[in-house]
Amino acid sequence: MMNARPIVLLAWVAICTASLLGCSKSQKAPLPESSLPTATLANIDDVLSAYEVVRGALAKDQSDLRTEALELASAARSGMESAPEGLRLPLEELSGASQRLAELDGTDLRRARSAFGEVSRELIALLTAEPGLQKGLWVYDCPMAEGYSKWVQADEEVSNPYMGSEMLQCGKVAEF
């Protein structure tokens, strides 16, 4: 007669493993598949996370973005250290655009959104330079926005940083 103890033990291990894997939802999404060095991918993950904080704040009509924009500028600068030559200029331009956003006085939502457009332009240039980084990201375009009207987000549900509460779901899927 077969001993049931090993089967019970294996079932317990499988349940515990599944539980632990389910708990990983609070962690960052896995880095995209790419031939880039791991350090570069980690820096770009930091860039995308900082960008999402800025985008989310604008979608909520927040214009004081100094701290968040400085974090984005810093993440882009840090990314330049390990990035291959083809990504250094886009990261430098992204850092500069983020720095200019940080320098705004924080009271003019219209100017903040315009400056964010330039940040988005540079982020999209970075993602275009290394298409493997686009996986899991969406680009949207707002026909109502003044200036550069595209933005990037990891969620398929539109959350428009250019219109905020006025037209949060305004936007259509666009190309990188």
N, C-alpha and C. Protein backbone atom coordinates (compact mmCIF):
# COMPACT_ATOMS: atom_id res chain seq x y z
N MET A 1 0.84 -1.18 0.00
CA MET A 1 0.00 0.00 0.00
C MET A 1 0.89 1.25 0.00
N MET A 2 0.53 2.27 -0.79
CA MET A 2 1.34 3.46 -0.93
C MET A 2 1.11 4.41 0.25
N ASN A 3 2.18 5.03 0.71
CA ASN A 3 2.12 6.00 1.81
C ASN A 3 1.62 7.34 1.27
N ALA A 4 0.60 7.90 1.90
CA ALA A 4 0.01 9.17 1.43
C ALA A 4 0.83 10.38 1.86
N ARG A 5 1.76 10.21 2.79
CA ARG A 5 2.53 11.34 3.31
C ARG A 5 3.27 12.12 2.21
N PRO A 6 4.00 11.48 1.27
CA PRO A 6 4.69 12.26 0.23
C PRO A 6 3.73 13.05 -0.66
N ILE A 7 2.57 12.49 -0.95
CA ILE A 7 1.60 13.20 -1.79
C ILE A 7 1.06 14.43 -1.07
N VAL A 8 0.77 14.27 0.22
CA VAL A 8 0.29 15.41 1.01
C VAL A 8 1.37 16.48 1.10
N LEU A 9 2.62 16.06 1.30
CA LEU A 9 3.72 17.01 1.38
C LEU A 9 3.89 17.76 0.06
N LEU A 10 3.83 17.05 -1.07
CA LEU A 10 3.94 17.71 -2.37
C LEU A 10 2.79 18.69 -2.60
N ALA A 11 1.58 18.31 -2.21
CA ALA A 11 0.44 19.21 -2.35
C ALA A 11 0.63 20.46 -1.51
N TRP A 12 1.14 20.28 -0.29
CA TRP A 12 1.39 21.42 0.59
C TRP A 12 2.43 22.36 -0.01
N VAL A 13 3.52 21.80 -0.55
CA VAL A 13 4.56 22.62 -1.19
C VAL A 13 3.97 23.38 -2.38
N ALA A 14 3.15 22.72 -3.18
CA ALA A 14 2.54 23.38 -4.34
C ALA A 14 1.63 24.53 -3.91
N ILE A 15 0.85 24.32 -2.86
CA ILE A 15 -0.05 25.38 -2.38
C ILE A 15 0.75 26.56 -1.84
N CYS A 16 1.79 26.28 -1.06
CA CYS A 16 2.63 27.36 -0.52
C CYS A 16 3.32 28.13 -1.62
N THR A 17 3.83 27.42 -2.63
CA THR A 17 4.50 28.09 -3.75
C THR A 17 3.52 28.98 -4.50
N ALA A 18 2.32 28.48 -4.76
CA ALA A 18 1.31 29.28 -5.46
C ALA A 18 0.94 30.50 -4.63
N SER A 19 0.86 30.36 -3.34
CA SER A 19 0.54 31.50 -2.47
C SER A 19 1.62 32.55 -2.53
N LEU A 20 2.87 32.11 -2.48
CA LEU A 20 3.97 33.06 -2.54
C LEU A 20 4.02 33.77 -3.88
N LEU A 21 3.77 33.05 -4.95
CA LEU A 21 3.76 33.69 -6.26
C LEU A 21 2.63 34.70 -6.36
N GLY A 22 1.50 34.42 -5.77
CA GLY A 22 0.38 35.35 -5.78
C GLY A 22 0.67 36.61 -5.03
N CYS A 23 1.56 36.56 -4.05
CA CYS A 23 1.92 37.73 -3.25
C CYS A 23 2.83 38.67 -4.00
N SER A 24 3.36 38.26 -5.13
CA SER A 24 4.32 39.09 -5.84
C SER A 24 3.68 40.23 -6.61
N LYS A 25 2.36 40.37 -6.54
CA LYS A 25 1.70 41.44 -7.29
C LYS A 25 2.14 42.82 -6.83
N SER A 26 2.59 42.96 -5.59
CA SER A 26 3.00 44.27 -5.09
C SER A 26 4.40 44.64 -5.57
N GLN A 27 5.12 43.69 -6.15
CA GLN A 27 6.45 43.98 -6.65
C GLN A 27 6.34 44.63 -8.02
N LYS A 28 7.46 45.21 -8.46
CA LYS A 28 7.48 45.82 -9.78
C LYS A 28 7.29 44.75 -10.85
N ALA A 29 6.77 45.17 -11.98
CA ALA A 29 6.61 44.27 -13.11
C ALA A 29 7.99 43.80 -13.56
N PRO A 30 8.07 42.62 -14.14
CA PRO A 30 9.38 42.14 -14.60
C PRO A 30 9.92 43.06 -15.68
N LEU A 31 11.23 43.14 -15.72
CA LEU A 31 11.87 43.98 -16.73
C LEU A 31 11.60 43.39 -18.11
N PRO A 32 11.50 44.24 -19.13
CA PRO A 32 11.23 43.75 -20.47
C PRO A 32 12.39 42.90 -20.99
N GLU A 33 12.06 42.02 -21.92
CA GLU A 33 13.10 41.23 -22.56
C GLU A 33 13.87 42.15 -23.49
N SER A 34 15.19 42.13 -23.36
CA SER A 34 16.00 43.01 -24.17
C SER A 34 17.44 42.53 -24.10
N SER A 35 18.23 42.96 -25.05
CA SER A 35 19.66 42.65 -25.04
C SER A 35 20.44 43.67 -24.22
N LEU A 36 19.74 44.61 -23.60
CA LEU A 36 20.39 45.64 -22.80
C LEU A 36 20.95 45.04 -21.51
N PRO A 37 22.01 45.65 -20.98
CA PRO A 37 22.54 45.19 -19.69
C PRO A 37 21.48 45.31 -18.59
N THR A 38 21.56 44.43 -17.62
CA THR A 38 20.59 44.42 -16.53
C THR A 38 20.55 45.77 -15.82
N ALA A 39 21.69 46.40 -15.63
CA ALA A 39 21.73 47.71 -14.95
C ALA A 39 20.94 48.75 -15.75
N THR A 40 21.08 48.72 -17.06
CA THR A 40 20.34 49.67 -17.90
C THR A 40 18.84 49.40 -17.80
N LEU A 41 18.45 48.14 -17.85
CA LEU A 41 17.03 47.80 -17.73
C LEU A 41 16.47 48.26 -16.39
N ALA A 42 17.23 48.09 -15.34
CA ALA A 42 16.77 48.53 -14.01
C ALA A 42 16.62 50.05 -13.97
N ASN A 43 17.56 50.77 -14.57
CA ASN A 43 17.45 52.24 -14.63
C ASN A 43 16.25 52.67 -15.44
N ILE A 44 15.99 52.01 -16.55
CA ILE A 44 14.85 52.38 -17.37
C ILE A 44 13.55 52.04 -16.65
N ASP A 45 13.55 50.98 -15.87
CA ASP A 45 12.39 50.66 -15.04
C ASP A 45 12.14 51.80 -14.04
N ASP A 46 13.20 52.35 -13.46
CA ASP A 46 13.07 53.50 -12.56
C ASP A 46 12.53 54.72 -13.30
N VAL A 47 13.01 54.92 -14.53
CA VAL A 47 12.52 56.03 -15.36
C VAL A 47 11.02 55.88 -15.59
N LEU A 48 10.60 54.69 -15.99
CA LEU A 48 9.18 54.45 -16.27
C LEU A 48 8.32 54.62 -15.02
N SER A 49 8.83 54.18 -13.88
CA SER A 49 8.08 54.33 -12.63
C SER A 49 7.94 55.81 -12.27
N ALA A 50 9.01 56.57 -12.39
CA ALA A 50 8.97 58.00 -12.07
C ALA A 50 8.06 58.75 -13.05
N TYR A 51 8.12 58.38 -14.33
CA TYR A 51 7.26 58.98 -15.34
C TYR A 51 5.80 58.73 -14.99
N GLU A 52 5.48 57.51 -14.58
CA GLU A 52 4.09 57.17 -14.26
C GLU A 52 3.58 57.99 -13.07
N VAL A 53 4.43 58.28 -12.12
CA VAL A 53 4.03 59.12 -10.98
C VAL A 53 3.66 60.52 -11.48
N VAL A 54 4.49 61.08 -12.35
CA VAL A 54 4.22 62.41 -12.90
C VAL A 54 2.94 62.38 -13.73
N ARG A 55 2.80 61.39 -14.61
CA ARG A 55 1.61 61.28 -15.44
C ARG A 55 0.35 61.14 -14.58
N GLY A 56 0.42 60.33 -13.56
CA GLY A 56 -0.73 60.13 -12.68
C GLY A 56 -1.11 61.39 -11.93
N ALA A 57 -0.11 62.16 -11.50
CA ALA A 57 -0.39 63.41 -10.80
C ALA A 57 -1.10 64.40 -11.72
N LEU A 58 -0.66 64.49 -12.97
CA LEU A 58 -1.31 65.40 -13.91
C LEU A 58 -2.73 64.93 -14.24
N ALA A 59 -2.93 63.64 -14.31
CA ALA A 59 -4.28 63.11 -14.54
C ALA A 59 -5.22 63.48 -13.40
N LYS A 60 -4.64 63.73 -12.22
CA LYS A 60 -5.43 64.15 -11.05
C LYS A 60 -5.40 65.67 -10.88
N ASP A 61 -4.98 66.38 -11.92
CA ASP A 61 -4.96 67.85 -11.94
C ASP A 61 -3.98 68.46 -10.95
N GLN A 62 -2.92 67.76 -10.61
CA GLN A 62 -1.89 68.28 -9.71
C GLN A 62 -0.81 68.94 -10.55
N SER A 63 -0.44 70.16 -10.20
CA SER A 63 0.55 70.88 -10.99
C SER A 63 1.89 71.04 -10.28
N ASP A 64 1.96 70.81 -8.99
CA ASP A 64 3.22 70.94 -8.27
C ASP A 64 3.96 69.61 -8.38
N LEU A 65 4.83 69.51 -9.35
CA LEU A 65 5.49 68.25 -9.70
C LEU A 65 6.99 68.30 -9.50
N ARG A 66 7.46 69.28 -8.75
CA ARG A 66 8.91 69.47 -8.60
C ARG A 66 9.62 68.19 -8.15
N THR A 67 9.20 67.62 -7.05
CA THR A 67 9.88 66.44 -6.50
C THR A 67 9.82 65.28 -7.48
N GLU A 68 8.64 65.03 -8.03
CA GLU A 68 8.47 63.91 -8.94
C GLU A 68 9.28 64.09 -10.23
N ALA A 69 9.28 65.30 -10.76
CA ALA A 69 10.03 65.57 -11.99
C ALA A 69 11.54 65.48 -11.75
N LEU A 70 11.99 65.90 -10.57
CA LEU A 70 13.42 65.76 -10.24
C LEU A 70 13.81 64.29 -10.13
N GLU A 71 12.93 63.47 -9.59
CA GLU A 71 13.21 62.03 -9.51
C GLU A 71 13.30 61.43 -10.91
N LEU A 72 12.44 61.86 -11.80
CA LEU A 72 12.48 61.38 -13.18
C LEU A 72 13.78 61.83 -13.86
N ALA A 73 14.16 63.09 -13.67
CA ALA A 73 15.40 63.59 -14.26
C ALA A 73 16.60 62.81 -13.73
N SER A 74 16.61 62.54 -12.44
CA SER A 74 17.71 61.79 -11.83
C SER A 74 17.76 60.35 -12.35
N ALA A 75 16.61 59.71 -12.48
CA ALA A 75 16.57 58.34 -12.99
C ALA A 75 17.10 58.29 -14.42
N ALA A 76 16.75 59.26 -15.24
CA ALA A 76 17.22 59.30 -16.62
C ALA A 76 18.74 59.53 -16.66
N ARG A 77 19.24 60.44 -15.81
CA ARG A 77 20.69 60.67 -15.75
C ARG A 77 21.43 59.40 -15.32
N SER A 78 20.89 58.72 -14.32
CA SER A 78 21.51 57.48 -13.84
C SER A 78 21.53 56.42 -14.94
N GLY A 79 20.49 56.40 -15.74
CA GLY A 79 20.41 55.43 -16.83
C GLY A 79 21.49 55.62 -17.87
N MET A 80 21.96 56.85 -18.01
CA MET A 80 22.98 57.14 -19.01
C MET A 80 24.29 56.42 -18.71
N GLU A 81 24.56 56.15 -17.44
CA GLU A 81 25.84 55.55 -17.05
C GLU A 81 26.05 54.16 -17.64
N SER A 82 25.01 53.34 -17.66
CA SER A 82 25.17 51.97 -18.15
C SER A 82 24.57 51.75 -19.53
N ALA A 83 23.93 52.77 -20.07
CA ALA A 83 23.22 52.62 -21.35
C ALA A 83 24.19 52.53 -22.52
N PRO A 84 23.81 51.76 -23.53
CA PRO A 84 24.61 51.77 -24.76
C PRO A 84 24.51 53.13 -25.44
N GLU A 85 25.42 53.38 -26.32
CA GLU A 85 25.53 54.69 -26.98
C GLU A 85 24.20 55.18 -27.57
N GLY A 86 23.43 54.29 -28.19
CA GLY A 86 22.19 54.69 -28.85
C GLY A 86 21.09 55.17 -27.91
N LEU A 87 21.23 54.90 -26.62
CA LEU A 87 20.21 55.33 -25.66
C LEU A 87 20.65 56.51 -24.81
N ARG A 88 21.92 56.87 -24.89
CA ARG A 88 22.42 57.95 -24.03
C ARG A 88 21.79 59.30 -24.37
N LEU A 89 21.70 59.63 -25.63
CA LEU A 89 21.11 60.92 -26.01
C LEU A 89 19.63 60.98 -25.64
N PRO A 90 18.82 59.96 -25.95
CA PRO A 90 17.41 60.03 -25.51
C PRO A 90 17.27 60.15 -23.99
N LEU A 91 18.12 59.47 -23.23
CA LEU A 91 18.07 59.59 -21.77
C LEU A 91 18.49 60.99 -21.32
N GLU A 92 19.49 61.56 -21.99
CA GLU A 92 19.93 62.92 -21.67
C GLU A 92 18.82 63.93 -21.96
N GLU A 93 18.18 63.78 -23.10
CA GLU A 93 17.08 64.68 -23.47
C GLU A 93 15.90 64.52 -22.51
N LEU A 94 15.61 63.30 -22.11
CA LEU A 94 14.54 63.05 -21.15
C LEU A 94 14.86 63.68 -19.80
N SER A 95 16.10 63.57 -19.38
CA SER A 95 16.51 64.19 -18.12
C SER A 95 16.35 65.72 -18.19
N GLY A 96 16.77 66.30 -19.31
CA GLY A 96 16.65 67.75 -19.47
C GLY A 96 15.20 68.22 -19.48
N ALA A 97 14.34 67.51 -20.19
CA ALA A 97 12.92 67.88 -20.23
C ALA A 97 12.29 67.73 -18.85
N SER A 98 12.68 66.70 -18.12
CA SER A 98 12.15 66.51 -16.76
C SER A 98 12.64 67.60 -15.83
N GLN A 99 13.88 68.01 -15.99
CA GLN A 99 14.44 69.10 -15.18
C GLN A 99 13.67 70.40 -15.44
N ARG A 100 13.35 70.66 -16.70
CA ARG A 100 12.59 71.88 -17.02
C ARG A 100 11.18 71.83 -16.40
N LEU A 101 10.57 70.66 -16.39
CA LEU A 101 9.28 70.50 -15.73
C LEU A 101 9.40 70.79 -14.24
N ALA A 102 10.48 70.33 -13.63
CA ALA A 102 10.71 70.55 -12.19
C ALA A 102 10.90 72.02 -11.86
N GLU A 103 11.40 72.79 -12.81
CA GLU A 103 11.69 74.20 -12.57
C GLU A 103 10.46 75.10 -12.63
N LEU A 104 9.32 74.59 -13.06
CA LEU A 104 8.10 75.39 -13.09
C LEU A 104 7.67 75.72 -11.67
N ASP A 105 6.92 76.80 -11.52
CA ASP A 105 6.54 77.24 -10.17
C ASP A 105 5.49 76.36 -9.49
N GLY A 106 4.87 75.46 -10.21
CA GLY A 106 3.95 74.51 -9.60
C GLY A 106 2.53 74.99 -9.43
N THR A 107 2.21 76.17 -9.96
CA THR A 107 0.84 76.68 -9.83
C THR A 107 0.09 76.72 -11.15
N ASP A 108 0.80 76.57 -12.25
CA ASP A 108 0.19 76.68 -13.57
C ASP A 108 0.04 75.30 -14.20
N LEU A 109 -1.14 74.72 -14.08
CA LEU A 109 -1.39 73.37 -14.59
C LEU A 109 -1.21 73.31 -16.10
N ARG A 110 -1.60 74.35 -16.80
CA ARG A 110 -1.46 74.37 -18.26
C ARG A 110 0.01 74.28 -18.67
N ARG A 111 0.87 75.04 -18.01
CA ARG A 111 2.31 75.00 -18.31
C ARG A 111 2.92 73.65 -17.92
N ALA A 112 2.46 73.10 -16.80
CA ALA A 112 2.96 71.79 -16.36
C ALA A 112 2.61 70.73 -17.40
N ARG A 113 1.39 70.78 -17.92
CA ARG A 113 0.98 69.80 -18.92
C ARG A 113 1.75 69.98 -20.23
N SER A 114 2.03 71.21 -20.59
CA SER A 114 2.81 71.47 -21.79
C SER A 114 4.23 70.93 -21.62
N ALA A 115 4.83 71.17 -20.46
CA ALA A 115 6.19 70.67 -20.19
C ALA A 115 6.19 69.14 -20.14
N PHE A 116 5.12 68.56 -19.61
CA PHE A 116 5.00 67.11 -19.59
C PHE A 116 4.96 66.55 -21.01
N GLY A 117 4.37 67.28 -21.93
CA GLY A 117 4.36 66.86 -23.33
C GLY A 117 5.77 66.66 -23.86
N GLU A 118 6.67 67.55 -23.48
CA GLU A 118 8.06 67.42 -23.92
C GLU A 118 8.74 66.24 -23.24
N VAL A 119 8.40 65.98 -21.98
CA VAL A 119 8.91 64.80 -21.29
C VAL A 119 8.43 63.55 -22.02
N SER A 120 7.16 63.53 -22.37
CA SER A 120 6.60 62.37 -23.08
C SER A 120 7.26 62.18 -24.43
N ARG A 121 7.51 63.27 -25.13
CA ARG A 121 8.18 63.19 -26.44
C ARG A 121 9.53 62.48 -26.29
N GLU A 122 10.28 62.86 -25.26
CA GLU A 122 11.61 62.27 -25.05
C GLU A 122 11.52 60.82 -24.58
N LEU A 123 10.52 60.49 -23.76
CA LEU A 123 10.35 59.11 -23.34
C LEU A 123 9.99 58.23 -24.54
N ILE A 124 9.12 58.72 -25.39
CA ILE A 124 8.74 57.96 -26.58
C ILE A 124 9.95 57.80 -27.52
N ALA A 125 10.81 58.81 -27.60
CA ALA A 125 12.04 58.68 -28.40
C ALA A 125 12.94 57.58 -27.83
N LEU A 126 13.03 57.51 -26.50
CA LEU A 126 13.81 56.47 -25.85
C LEU A 126 13.24 55.09 -26.16
N LEU A 127 11.93 54.96 -26.03
CA LEU A 127 11.28 53.67 -26.28
C LEU A 127 11.33 53.28 -27.75
N THR A 128 11.39 54.25 -28.63
CA THR A 128 11.52 53.99 -30.06
C THR A 128 12.94 53.53 -30.39
N ALA A 129 13.91 54.07 -29.68
CA ALA A 129 15.31 53.70 -29.91
C ALA A 129 15.59 52.25 -29.50
N GLU A 130 14.81 51.73 -28.57
CA GLU A 130 14.96 50.34 -28.11
C GLU A 130 13.58 49.72 -28.02
N PRO A 131 13.04 49.24 -29.16
CA PRO A 131 11.66 48.74 -29.20
C PRO A 131 11.34 47.64 -28.19
N GLY A 132 12.32 46.89 -27.74
CA GLY A 132 12.06 45.86 -26.74
C GLY A 132 11.52 46.42 -25.45
N LEU A 133 11.75 47.69 -25.20
CA LEU A 133 11.27 48.35 -23.97
C LEU A 133 9.79 48.69 -24.04
N GLN A 134 9.19 48.61 -25.21
CA GLN A 134 7.79 48.99 -25.40
C GLN A 134 6.81 47.94 -24.88
N LYS A 135 7.29 46.73 -24.66
CA LYS A 135 6.41 45.64 -24.26
C LYS A 135 5.67 45.99 -22.96
N GLY A 136 4.35 45.82 -23.02
CA GLY A 136 3.52 46.09 -21.84
C GLY A 136 3.17 47.55 -21.65
N LEU A 137 3.54 48.39 -22.59
CA LEU A 137 3.25 49.82 -22.49
C LEU A 137 2.28 50.23 -23.60
N TRP A 138 1.50 51.23 -23.31
CA TRP A 138 0.53 51.78 -24.26
C TRP A 138 0.90 53.23 -24.53
N VAL A 139 0.74 53.65 -25.77
CA VAL A 139 0.88 55.06 -26.13
C VAL A 139 -0.50 55.55 -26.52
N TYR A 140 -0.86 56.68 -25.96
CA TYR A 140 -2.15 57.31 -26.27
C TYR A 140 -1.90 58.69 -26.82
N ASP A 141 -2.89 59.17 -27.54
CA ASP A 141 -2.84 60.51 -28.12
C ASP A 141 -4.14 61.22 -27.76
N CYS A 142 -4.02 62.46 -27.33
CA CYS A 142 -5.20 63.26 -26.99
C CYS A 142 -5.39 64.32 -28.07
N PRO A 143 -6.45 64.23 -28.85
CA PRO A 143 -6.67 65.21 -29.91
C PRO A 143 -6.99 66.61 -29.37
N MET A 144 -7.33 66.70 -28.10
CA MET A 144 -7.69 68.00 -27.50
C MET A 144 -6.48 68.73 -26.89
N ALA A 145 -5.36 68.04 -26.72
CA ALA A 145 -4.20 68.62 -26.05
C ALA A 145 -3.49 69.62 -26.96
N GLU A 146 -2.95 70.66 -26.33
CA GLU A 146 -2.14 71.63 -27.05
C GLU A 146 -0.70 71.13 -27.04
N GLY A 147 0.04 71.36 -28.11
CA GLY A 147 1.43 70.92 -28.15
C GLY A 147 1.52 69.42 -28.36
N TYR A 148 2.58 68.82 -27.84
CA TYR A 148 2.77 67.38 -27.99
C TYR A 148 1.67 66.67 -27.20
N SER A 149 0.99 65.75 -27.84
CA SER A 149 -0.25 65.22 -27.26
C SER A 149 -0.24 63.72 -26.96
N LYS A 150 0.93 63.10 -27.05
CA LYS A 150 1.03 61.67 -26.75
C LYS A 150 1.54 61.47 -25.33
N TRP A 151 1.21 60.33 -24.77
CA TRP A 151 1.77 59.93 -23.49
C TRP A 151 1.85 58.42 -23.43
N VAL A 152 2.60 57.91 -22.45
CA VAL A 152 2.82 56.48 -22.26
C VAL A 152 2.22 56.08 -20.92
N GLN A 153 1.62 54.90 -20.90
CA GLN A 153 1.19 54.34 -19.62
C GLN A 153 1.19 52.82 -19.71
N ALA A 154 1.28 52.19 -18.55
CA ALA A 154 1.33 50.72 -18.50
C ALA A 154 -0.06 50.12 -18.39
N ASP A 155 -1.06 50.94 -18.20
CA ASP A 155 -2.43 50.46 -18.04
C ASP A 155 -3.20 50.72 -19.34
N GLU A 156 -4.00 49.75 -19.74
CA GLU A 156 -4.77 49.90 -20.98
C GLU A 156 -5.91 50.90 -20.83
N GLU A 157 -6.37 51.14 -19.62
CA GLU A 157 -7.46 52.08 -19.40
C GLU A 157 -6.92 53.52 -19.47
N VAL A 158 -7.47 54.30 -20.37
CA VAL A 158 -7.00 55.66 -20.60
C VAL A 158 -7.12 56.50 -19.32
N SER A 159 -6.04 57.22 -19.02
CA SER A 159 -6.00 58.16 -17.89
C SER A 159 -5.20 59.36 -18.36
N ASN A 160 -5.89 60.32 -18.95
CA ASN A 160 -5.30 61.42 -19.70
C ASN A 160 -4.66 62.49 -18.82
N PRO A 161 -3.33 62.65 -18.91
CA PRO A 161 -2.65 63.67 -18.12
C PRO A 161 -2.82 65.09 -18.68
N TYR A 162 -3.24 65.21 -19.93
CA TYR A 162 -3.39 66.53 -20.54
C TYR A 162 -4.75 67.16 -20.23
N MET A 163 -5.75 66.35 -19.98
CA MET A 163 -7.10 66.85 -19.72
C MET A 163 -7.52 66.63 -18.27
N GLY A 164 -6.93 65.68 -17.60
CA GLY A 164 -7.25 65.41 -16.20
C GLY A 164 -8.74 65.18 -15.99
N SER A 165 -9.26 65.76 -14.93
CA SER A 165 -10.66 65.52 -14.55
C SER A 165 -11.66 66.02 -15.59
N GLU A 166 -11.25 66.96 -16.44
CA GLU A 166 -12.16 67.46 -17.48
C GLU A 166 -12.53 66.37 -18.48
N MET A 167 -11.54 65.59 -18.88
CA MET A 167 -11.75 64.54 -19.88
C MET A 167 -10.75 63.41 -19.65
N LEU A 168 -10.83 62.78 -18.50
CA LEU A 168 -9.84 61.79 -18.08
C LEU A 168 -9.73 60.64 -19.07
N GLN A 169 -10.81 60.26 -19.70
CA GLN A 169 -10.78 59.10 -20.60
C GLN A 169 -10.68 59.47 -22.07
N CYS A 170 -10.33 60.72 -22.33
CA CYS A 170 -10.12 61.16 -23.70
C CYS A 170 -8.75 60.69 -24.17
N GLY A 171 -8.72 60.00 -25.28
CA GLY A 171 -7.45 59.55 -25.84
C GLY A 171 -7.66 58.31 -26.67
N LYS A 172 -6.81 58.15 -27.65
CA LYS A 172 -6.88 56.97 -28.50
C LYS A 172 -5.49 56.34 -28.57
N VAL A 173 -5.48 55.04 -28.77
CA VAL A 173 -4.21 54.31 -28.88
C VAL A 173 -3.44 54.88 -30.07
N ALA A 174 -2.16 55.09 -29.87
CA ALA A 174 -1.30 55.66 -30.92
C ALA A 174 -0.06 54.79 -31.09
N GLU A 175 0.71 55.11 -32.10
CA GLU A 175 1.97 54.41 -32.38
C GLU A 175 3.09 55.05 -31.57
N PHE A 176 4.12 54.25 -31.29
CA PHE A 176 5.32 54.79 -30.64
C PHE A 176 6.03 55.68 -31.61
